[in-house]
Amino acid sequence: MSETFPEIREAVRRLCARFPGAYWRDLDRERAYPTEFVQALTQAGFLSVLIPEEYGGSGLGLGAATAVLEEIHRSGCNGAACHAQMYTMGTMLRHGTEAQKQAHLPKIASGELRLQAFGVTEPDAGTDTTRITTFARKEGDKYVVNGRKLWISRAEHSDLMVLLCRTTPRDQAAKPSDGMSVLLVDMREAVGKGLTIRPVRTMLNHATTELFFEDLEVPAENLIGREGQGFRHILDGMNAERILIAAECIGDAKFFIERASAYAKEREVFGRPIGENQGVQFPIARAYVQMTAAALMVDKAAALFEAGEPCGTEANMAKLMASEASWYAADMCVQTHGGFGFAEEYDIERKFRETRLYQVAPISTNLILSHVATHVLDLPKSF
């Protein structure tokens, strides 16, 4: 396959070579954050590719960002430690004030500030975002926030958070998606002053947390976009998120396919390479076919996003196809390696756990299918 942005890809590969499997295995055992890796990406300018040049970034499109994240994952690294800094840009760039952009984007581009947290999901709402209950009450020149968020990654390692909350109760809004607003929360000032962060240990090293808000005061000037229109504002970030994570899944799939192909050519059983057996080579070939088809869907979704065209359906389909391709490739790679696939030193079991997440997050496969059924095929809603 011919690849887009070859210079960027080669530069990312060189950077990732400085962070081999042993680095990630050590972090995985301790559930530690890859600070050095994130700093290296920041200094190289890879996390600011979507920030316009006038604010210190590269001013490139989403296609360049997908190339960065794909190569990170193809190299055996994990972009989940920092990918939110890319997709949260959509909300601020398209809906933030010029003062907000001037105050934050140059510092984010330089690495002085981290914008890594995206506060949307709640324990009682799940993927039904319209049912969030975290509430921001306007009092003079500030909002007072109360509520709870769950599955918020990187909150302990971020200076800023894009927070979605209700400013009008759901039953008082004209539509369920109305009455939500976006606030930019300064985590450095908030922790201990109305915000409590509790780590949630999971099967993978994802820096996942639960957040508790108790009379947290946020300046009214930190409102992004229009009050009550927050759900529409974050859709830009959500579409970018799904496309970028789909690119990560393509990278994961390539990692598994390349590892399985190399092992199948070298590993001998019964006096010959196991790759001579169709029972071994056909699953590898199928994984490649599925990955290639998914990659084309990711490219299409990214192109629509860059052109400013509606891309919600394409972003969802790209995420579904890529996550299923990476999960098939992961399972195939473990099967190809046999017992060695479970050994830490091969890095396959770690990547196997990491890529499984994307069948569930940031949106579940079932909800994507529901979206396609009702919005594309005009079938009746099931909920």
Foldseek 3Di string as FASTA:
>chain_A
DDDPPVVLLVVLLVLCVVCALVNVLVCWVVLHQPVVSVVSCLQVQLLQQCPCVVLPHVNDFLSSNLSNLLSCLLRLHHCLSANLSNLVVQLCVVFNDPVVSNVPRNCCSNVVFGENWEFQAAPVQQPVRLPAAFEWEDDPQKTFTFDKGFFIFPLVPGQKYWHKHFHDDCVPDPHSLWRIWIFIDGSVVQDPPFKDWAFDDDPGSGRTIMIGGDRGIGGNSRTTHDGRNHSVSCVSSVLSVLLSVLSNLLSLLSNLLVLLVVQQQVDDDPHHRNCVDCVLVVLSVVLVVLSVVLVVLSVVLSVCSRVVHDRPLSSLVSLLSSLVSSQSSLVSSCVSVPPVCPDSVVSSVNSNVVSPCSCPPPHHPVVSVQCCCCVPVVDDHPD
